[in-house]
Amino acid sequence: MSQDLQSHAVTFVNNPTEENRSAVVIAAVPLVRSIVGRLSIPDHPLASRDDLENVGLLGLLQALDSYDTERGTPFVSYAYGRIRGALVDYLRSIDALPRERRRRLAEAHRAMDTLRQELGE
Protein backbone atom coordinates (compact mmCIF):
# COMPACT_ATOMS: atom_id res chain seq x y z
CA MET A 1 0.00 0.00 0.00
CA SER A 2 2.64 2.56 1.02
CA GLN A 3 4.72 1.96 -2.13
CA ASP A 4 1.66 2.50 -4.33
CA LEU A 5 0.83 5.65 -2.41
CA GLN A 6 4.42 6.87 -2.66
CA SER A 7 4.57 6.28 -6.40
CA HIS A 8 1.20 8.00 -6.93
CA ALA A 9 2.33 10.98 -4.83
CA VAL A 10 5.59 11.34 -6.76
CA THR A 11 3.68 11.09 -10.04
CA PHE A 12 1.33 13.84 -8.87
CA VAL A 13 4.19 16.11 -7.78
CA ASN A 14 5.84 15.68 -11.18
CA ASN A 15 2.57 15.99 -13.13
CA PRO A 16 -0.17 17.65 -11.04
CA THR A 17 -3.31 16.65 -12.90
CA GLU A 18 -6.75 15.85 -11.48
CA GLU A 19 -6.34 12.26 -12.62
CA ASN A 20 -3.10 11.88 -10.67
CA ARG A 21 -4.63 13.61 -7.63
CA SER A 22 -7.55 11.16 -7.71
CA ALA A 23 -5.13 8.23 -7.88
CA VAL A 24 -3.40 9.47 -4.72
CA VAL A 25 -6.70 9.93 -2.90
CA ILE A 26 -7.91 6.45 -3.85
CA ALA A 27 -4.60 4.91 -2.76
CA ALA A 28 -4.69 6.83 0.55
CA VAL A 29 -8.24 5.95 1.65
CA PRO A 30 -7.03 2.93 3.70
CA LEU A 31 -4.46 5.15 5.44
CA VAL A 32 -7.10 7.74 6.35
CA ARG A 33 -9.47 5.04 7.63
CA SER A 34 -6.68 3.53 9.69
CA ILE A 35 -5.90 6.86 11.34
CA VAL A 36 -9.59 7.55 12.04
CA GLY A 37 -9.92 4.07 13.53
CA ARG A 38 -7.13 4.80 16.02
CA LEU A 39 -8.76 7.96 17.34
CA SER A 40 -11.01 8.12 20.33
CA ILE A 41 -14.20 9.38 18.73
CA PRO A 42 -16.38 11.50 21.03
CA ASP A 43 -20.14 11.16 21.22
CA HIS A 44 -20.91 14.20 19.09
CA PRO A 45 -23.26 14.53 16.09
CA LEU A 46 -20.51 16.17 14.01
CA ALA A 47 -17.96 13.47 14.82
CA SER A 48 -19.33 10.54 12.87
CA ARG A 49 -16.86 8.21 11.22
CA ASP A 50 -17.80 9.55 7.76
CA ASP A 51 -17.28 13.15 8.89
CA LEU A 52 -13.88 12.30 10.30
CA GLU A 53 -12.86 10.43 7.14
CA ASN A 54 -13.80 13.50 5.09
CA VAL A 55 -11.72 15.73 7.37
CA GLY A 56 -8.87 13.24 7.03
CA LEU A 57 -9.11 13.36 3.25
CA LEU A 58 -8.93 17.16 3.39
CA GLY A 59 -5.77 16.81 5.47
CA LEU A 60 -4.44 14.38 2.88
CA LEU A 61 -5.08 16.88 0.08
CA GLN A 62 -3.28 19.60 2.06
CA ALA A 63 -0.36 17.23 2.56
CA LEU A 64 -0.31 16.40 -1.14
CA ASP A 65 -0.28 20.06 -2.15
CA SER A 66 2.65 20.85 0.14
CA TYR A 67 4.66 17.61 -0.28
CA ASP A 68 8.25 18.10 -1.37
CA THR A 69 9.98 15.05 -2.84
CA GLU A 70 13.39 16.73 -2.47
CA ARG A 71 13.32 16.37 1.32
CA GLY A 72 13.41 12.59 1.11
CA THR A 73 10.52 12.03 3.51
CA PRO A 74 8.18 9.23 2.46
CA PHE A 75 4.76 10.58 1.57
CA VAL A 76 3.03 8.18 3.98
CA SER A 77 5.01 9.58 6.91
CA TYR A 78 4.41 13.16 5.87
CA ALA A 79 0.71 12.63 5.18
CA TYR A 80 0.16 10.74 8.44
CA GLY A 81 1.10 13.78 10.49
CA ARG A 82 -0.98 16.15 8.38
CA ILE A 83 -4.04 13.88 8.40
CA ARG A 84 -3.88 13.26 12.13
CA GLY A 85 -3.32 16.97 12.76
CA ALA A 86 -6.37 17.88 10.68
CA LEU A 87 -8.46 15.37 12.62
CA VAL A 88 -7.29 16.62 16.02
CA ASP A 89 -7.89 20.24 14.98
CA TYR A 90 -11.40 19.36 13.83
CA LEU A 91 -12.23 17.49 17.04
CA ARG A 92 -10.97 20.43 19.09
CA SER A 93 -13.04 22.86 17.04
CA ILE A 94 -16.29 20.99 17.75
CA ASP A 95 -15.50 20.48 21.44
CA ALA A 96 -17.68 22.68 23.65
CA LEU A 97 -15.05 22.87 26.40
CA PRO A 98 -11.68 24.57 26.11
CA ARG A 99 -8.63 22.34 26.56
CA GLU A 100 -7.88 23.63 30.08
CA ARG A 101 -11.41 22.90 31.29
CA ARG A 102 -11.30 19.48 29.64
CA ARG A 103 -8.04 18.77 31.46
CA ARG A 104 -9.46 19.90 34.81
CA LEU A 105 -12.58 17.81 34.25
CA ALA A 106 -10.40 14.74 33.60
CA GLU A 107 -8.46 15.45 36.83
CA ALA A 108 -11.74 15.67 38.76
CA HIS A 109 -12.90 12.34 37.32
CA ARG A 110 -9.59 10.70 38.26
CA ALA A 111 -9.89 12.08 41.81
CA MET A 112 -13.46 10.75 42.07
CA ASP A 113 -12.32 7.31 40.88
CA THR A 114 -9.48 7.29 43.40
CA LEU A 115 -11.85 8.21 46.25
CA ARG A 116 -14.33 5.53 45.19
CA GLN A 117 -11.56 2.94 45.28
CA GLU A 118 -10.28 4.09 48.67
CA LEU A 119 -13.74 4.32 50.23
CA GLY A 120 -15.01 1.15 48.60
CA GLU A 121 -18.05 2.79 47.06
C-alpha atoms as a PDB file:
ATOM      1  CA  MET A   1       0.000   0.000   0.000  1.00  0.00           C
ATOM      2  CA  SER A   2       2.639   2.558   1.016  1.00  0.00           C
ATOM      3  CA  GLN A   3       4.719   1.960  -2.128  1.00  0.00           C
ATOM      4  CA  ASP A   4       1.662   2.498  -4.327  1.00  0.00           C
ATOM      5  CA  LEU A   5       0.826   5.654  -2.410  1.00  0.00           C
ATOM      6  CA  GLN A   6       4.420   6.873  -2.660  1.00  0.00           C
ATOM      7  CA  SER A   7       4.571   6.281  -6.404  1.00  0.00           C
ATOM      8  CA  HIS A   8       1.204   8.002  -6.935  1.00  0.00           C
ATOM      9  CA  ALA A   9       2.327  10.979  -4.828  1.00  0.00           C
ATOM     10  CA  VAL A  10       5.595  11.342  -6.760  1.00  0.00           C
ATOM     11  CA  THR A  11       3.678  11.089 -10.037  1.00  0.00           C
ATOM     12  CA  PHE A  12       1.329  13.844  -8.866  1.00  0.00           C
ATOM     13  CA  VAL A  13       4.189  16.114  -7.778  1.00  0.00           C
ATOM     14  CA  ASN A  14       5.844  15.683 -11.184  1.00  0.00           C
ATOM     15  CA  ASN A  15       2.571  15.985 -13.135  1.00  0.00           C
ATOM     16  CA  PRO A  16      -0.169  17.649 -11.045  1.00  0.00           C
ATOM     17  CA  THR A  17      -3.313  16.650 -12.898  1.00  0.00           C
ATOM     18  CA  GLU A  18      -6.748  15.847 -11.483  1.00  0.00           C
ATOM     19  CA  GLU A  19      -6.344  12.255 -12.622  1.00  0.00           C
ATOM     20  CA  ASN A  20      -3.101  11.881 -10.674  1.00  0.00           C
ATOM     21  CA  ARG A  21      -4.632  13.608  -7.626  1.00  0.00           C
ATOM     22  CA  SER A  22      -7.546  11.164  -7.714  1.00  0.00           C
ATOM     23  CA  ALA A  23      -5.133   8.234  -7.878  1.00  0.00           C
ATOM     24  CA  VAL A  24      -3.399   9.470  -4.718  1.00  0.00           C
ATOM     25  CA  VAL A  25      -6.703   9.927  -2.896  1.00  0.00           C
ATOM     26  CA  ILE A  26      -7.908   6.448  -3.849  1.00  0.00           C
ATOM     27  CA  ALA A  27      -4.601   4.909  -2.756  1.00  0.00           C
ATOM     28  CA  ALA A  28      -4.692   6.833   0.552  1.00  0.00           C
ATOM     29  CA  VAL A  29      -8.240   5.951   1.654  1.00  0.00           C
ATOM     30  CA  PRO A  30      -7.031   2.933   3.696  1.00  0.00           C
ATOM     31  CA  LEU A  31      -4.462   5.154   5.444  1.00  0.00           C
ATOM     32  CA  VAL A  32      -7.105   7.740   6.353  1.00  0.00           C
ATOM     33  CA  ARG A  33      -9.472   5.036   7.630  1.00  0.00           C
ATOM     34  CA  SER A  34      -6.679   3.529   9.687  1.00  0.00           C
ATOM     35  CA  ILE A  35      -5.904   6.863  11.341  1.00  0.00           C
ATOM     36  CA  VAL A  36      -9.593   7.550  12.039  1.00  0.00           C
ATOM     37  CA  GLY A  37      -9.920   4.066  13.528  1.00  0.00           C
ATOM     38  CA  ARG A  38      -7.132   4.805  16.023  1.00  0.00           C
ATOM     39  CA  LEU A  39      -8.756   7.964  17.345  1.00  0.00           C
ATOM     40  CA  SER A  40     -11.008   8.117  20.332  1.00  0.00           C
ATOM     41  CA  ILE A  41     -14.199   9.378  18.728  1.00  0.00           C
ATOM     42  CA  PRO A  42     -16.377  11.504  21.030  1.00  0.00           C
ATOM     43  CA  ASP A  43     -20.136  11.164  21.219  1.00  0.00           C
ATOM     44  CA  HIS A  44     -20.913  14.200  19.087  1.00  0.00           C
ATOM     45  CA  PRO A  45     -23.259  14.535  16.094  1.00  0.00           C
ATOM     46  CA  LEU A  46     -20.510  16.171  14.013  1.00  0.00           C
ATOM     47  CA  ALA A  47     -17.960  13.470  14.820  1.00  0.00           C
ATOM     48  CA  SER A  48     -19.330  10.543  12.868  1.00  0.00           C
ATOM     49  CA  ARG A  49     -16.856   8.206  11.222  1.00  0.00           C
ATOM     50  CA  ASP A  50     -17.804   9.551   7.765  1.00  0.00           C
ATOM     51  CA  ASP A  51     -17.282  13.153   8.886  1.00  0.00           C
ATOM     52  CA  LEU A  52     -13.877  12.296  10.298  1.00  0.00           C
ATOM     53  CA  GLU A  53     -12.864  10.430   7.144  1.00  0.00           C
ATOM     54  CA  ASN A  54     -13.801  13.499   5.091  1.00  0.00           C
ATOM     55  CA  VAL A  55     -11.721  15.732   7.367  1.00  0.00           C
ATOM     56  CA  GLY A  56      -8.867  13.243   7.034  1.00  0.00           C
ATOM     57  CA  LEU A  57      -9.111  13.364   3.253  1.00  0.00           C
ATOM     58  CA  LEU A  58      -8.929  17.159   3.386  1.00  0.00           C
ATOM     59  CA  GLY A  59      -5.768  16.811   5.473  1.00  0.00           C
ATOM     60  CA  LEU A  60      -4.439  14.378   2.879  1.00  0.00           C
ATOM     61  CA  LEU A  61      -5.075  16.880   0.084  1.00  0.00           C
ATOM     62  CA  GLN A  62      -3.285  19.601   2.057  1.00  0.00           C
ATOM     63  CA  ALA A  63      -0.360  17.230   2.561  1.00  0.00           C
ATOM     64  CA  LEU A  64      -0.315  16.396  -1.143  1.00  0.00           C
ATOM     65  CA  ASP A  65      -0.282  20.059  -2.149  1.00  0.00           C
ATOM     66  CA  SER A  66       2.651  20.847   0.140  1.00  0.00           C
ATOM     67  CA  TYR A  67       4.656  17.611  -0.281  1.00  0.00           C
ATOM     68  CA  ASP A  68       8.245  18.104  -1.371  1.00  0.00           C
ATOM     69  CA  THR A  69       9.979  15.048  -2.838  1.00  0.00           C
ATOM     70  CA  GLU A  70      13.390  16.733  -2.471  1.00  0.00           C
ATOM     71  CA  ARG A  71      13.321  16.371   1.323  1.00  0.00           C
ATOM     72  CA  GLY A  72      13.409  12.585   1.106  1.00  0.00           C
ATOM     73  CA  THR A  73      10.518  12.034   3.510  1.00  0.00           C
ATOM     74  CA  PRO A  74       8.182   9.225   2.456  1.00  0.00           C
ATOM     75  CA  PHE A  75       4.757  10.579   1.568  1.00  0.00           C
ATOM     76  CA  VAL A  76       3.026   8.181   3.977  1.00  0.00           C
ATOM     77  CA  SER A  77       5.013   9.581   6.907  1.00  0.00           C
ATOM     78  CA  TYR A  78       4.408  13.164   5.865  1.00  0.00           C
ATOM     79  CA  ALA A  79       0.710  12.632   5.177  1.00  0.00           C
ATOM     80  CA  TYR A  80       0.163  10.736   8.437  1.00  0.00           C
ATOM     81  CA  GLY A  81       1.101  13.782  10.490  1.00  0.00           C
ATOM     82  CA  ARG A  82      -0.977  16.150   8.377  1.00  0.00           C
ATOM     83  CA  ILE A  83      -4.045  13.877   8.395  1.00  0.00           C
ATOM     84  CA  ARG A  84      -3.880  13.258  12.135  1.00  0.00           C
ATOM     85  CA  GLY A  85      -3.321  16.971  12.757  1.00  0.00           C
ATOM     86  CA  ALA A  86      -6.374  17.885  10.680  1.00  0.00           C
ATOM     87  CA  LEU A  87      -8.461  15.371  12.623  1.00  0.00           C
ATOM     88  CA  VAL A  88      -7.294  16.623  16.017  1.00  0.00           C
ATOM     89  CA  ASP A  89      -7.889  20.243  14.982  1.00  0.00           C
ATOM     90  CA  TYR A  90     -11.401  19.365  13.833  1.00  0.00           C
ATOM     91  CA  LEU A  91     -12.230  17.491  17.036  1.00  0.00           C
ATOM     92  CA  ARG A  92     -10.968  20.426  19.088  1.00  0.00           C
ATOM     93  CA  SER A  93     -13.038  22.856  17.037  1.00  0.00           C
ATOM     94  CA  ILE A  94     -16.293  20.991  17.745  1.00  0.00           C
ATOM     95  CA  ASP A  95     -15.504  20.477  21.438  1.00  0.00           C
ATOM     96  CA  ALA A  96     -17.675  22.677  23.647  1.00  0.00           C
ATOM     97  CA  LEU A  97     -15.049  22.873  26.401  1.00  0.00           C
ATOM     98  CA  PRO A  98     -11.679  24.571  26.106  1.00  0.00           C
ATOM     99  CA  ARG A  99      -8.632  22.342  26.562  1.00  0.00           C
ATOM    100  CA  GLU A 100      -7.877  23.634  30.078  1.00  0.00           C
ATOM    101  CA  ARG A 101     -11.407  22.899  31.294  1.00  0.00           C
ATOM    102  CA  ARG A 102     -11.302  19.484  29.638  1.00  0.00           C
ATOM    103  CA  ARG A 103      -8.041  18.769  31.465  1.00  0.00           C
ATOM    104  CA  ARG A 104      -9.456  19.899  34.811  1.00  0.00           C
ATOM    105  CA  LEU A 105     -12.576  17.806  34.254  1.00  0.00           C
ATOM    106  CA  ALA A 106     -10.400  14.745  33.604  1.00  0.00           C
ATOM    107  CA  GLU A 107      -8.464  15.455  36.826  1.00  0.00           C
ATOM    108  CA  ALA A 108     -11.739  15.667  38.757  1.00  0.00           C
ATOM    109  CA  HIS A 109     -12.896  12.340  37.317  1.00  0.00           C
ATOM    110  CA  ARG A 110      -9.590  10.702  38.261  1.00  0.00           C
ATOM    111  CA  ALA A 111      -9.891  12.079  41.809  1.00  0.00           C
ATOM    112  CA  MET A 112     -13.456  10.746  42.069  1.00  0.00           C
ATOM    113  CA  ASP A 113     -12.324   7.311  40.881  1.00  0.00           C
ATOM    114  CA  THR A 114      -9.484   7.291  43.404  1.00  0.00           C
ATOM    115  CA  LEU A 115     -11.852   8.213  46.247  1.00  0.00           C
ATOM    116  CA  ARG A 116     -14.330   5.528  45.185  1.00  0.00           C
ATOM    117  CA  GLN A 117     -11.561   2.935  45.277  1.00  0.00           C
ATOM    118  CA  GLU A 118     -10.280   4.089  48.669  1.00  0.00           C
ATOM    119  CA  LEU A 119     -13.737   4.317  50.235  1.00  0.00           C
ATOM    120  CA  GLY A 120     -15.015   1.153  48.602  1.00  0.00           C
ATOM    121  CA  GLU A 121     -18.053   2.788  47.061  1.00  0.00           C
END
